[in-house]
């Protein structure tokens, strides 16, 4: 299951983009967007998000 971003909580800091080993996350209009087909479900983005906007639900 791919990572999910809560757009209302995301601050667009980009830490998840840098942490993703598969380059599955990009910022669009200052909100993190996960490419579900590329996401490897590793949770690296969840661990670095300072506002807990990303989950592995």
Protein backbone atom coordinates (compact mmCIF):
# COMPACT_ATOMS: atom_id res chain seq x y z
CA UNK A 1 0.00 0.00 0.00
CA UNK A 2 1.45 3.34 -1.05
CA UNK A 3 2.03 6.25 1.28
CA UNK A 4 -0.82 8.73 1.60
CA UNK A 5 -0.37 12.47 2.10
CA UNK A 6 -2.85 14.59 4.01
CA UNK A 7 -2.85 17.69 1.81
CA UNK A 8 -4.42 19.78 4.56
CA UNK A 9 -1.52 19.01 6.91
CA UNK A 10 1.40 18.98 4.44
CA UNK A 11 3.54 22.13 4.60
CA UNK A 12 5.51 21.41 1.43
CA UNK A 13 8.85 21.27 3.22
CA UNK A 14 10.20 18.63 0.83
CA UNK A 15 11.83 16.41 3.45
CA UNK A 16 9.84 13.42 2.16
CA UNK A 17 11.00 14.09 -1.40
CA UNK A 18 14.62 13.96 -0.25
CA UNK A 19 14.05 10.86 1.90
CA UNK A 20 12.32 8.74 -0.73
CA UNK A 21 14.80 6.20 -2.13
CA UNK A 22 12.60 5.53 -5.17
CA UNK A 23 11.89 9.15 -6.14
CA UNK A 24 8.18 8.43 -5.80
CA UNK A 25 7.30 11.79 -4.22
CA UNK A 26 7.24 15.22 -5.78
CA UNK A 27 5.93 18.60 -4.73
CA UNK A 28 2.98 19.93 -6.69
CA UNK A 29 1.75 23.37 -5.66
CA UNK A 30 3.76 23.00 -2.43
CA UNK A 31 2.02 19.74 -1.49
CA UNK A 32 3.73 16.33 -1.51
CA UNK A 33 2.25 13.92 -4.04
CA UNK A 34 3.08 10.20 -4.03
CA UNK A 35 3.26 8.19 -7.26
CA UNK A 36 1.49 5.05 -6.08
CA UNK A 37 2.95 2.94 -8.89
CA UNK A 38 6.52 3.86 -7.89
CA UNK A 39 6.13 3.86 -4.08
CA UNK A 40 7.88 0.90 -2.47
CA UNK A 41 5.98 1.12 0.83
CA UNK A 42 9.21 1.59 2.81
CA UNK A 43 7.89 4.34 5.11
CA UNK A 44 10.99 6.53 4.87
CA UNK A 45 8.79 9.53 4.12
CA UNK A 46 6.61 8.86 7.16
CA UNK A 47 9.65 8.86 9.42
CA UNK A 48 10.93 12.27 8.26
CA UNK A 49 7.68 14.23 7.96
CA UNK A 50 7.82 16.90 10.69
CA UNK A 51 4.04 17.44 10.72
CA UNK A 52 2.98 13.78 10.42
CA UNK A 53 1.15 14.44 7.14
CA UNK A 54 2.11 11.09 5.62
CA UNK A 55 0.77 7.68 6.57
CA UNK A 56 0.97 4.15 5.24
CA UNK A 57 -2.79 3.51 5.48
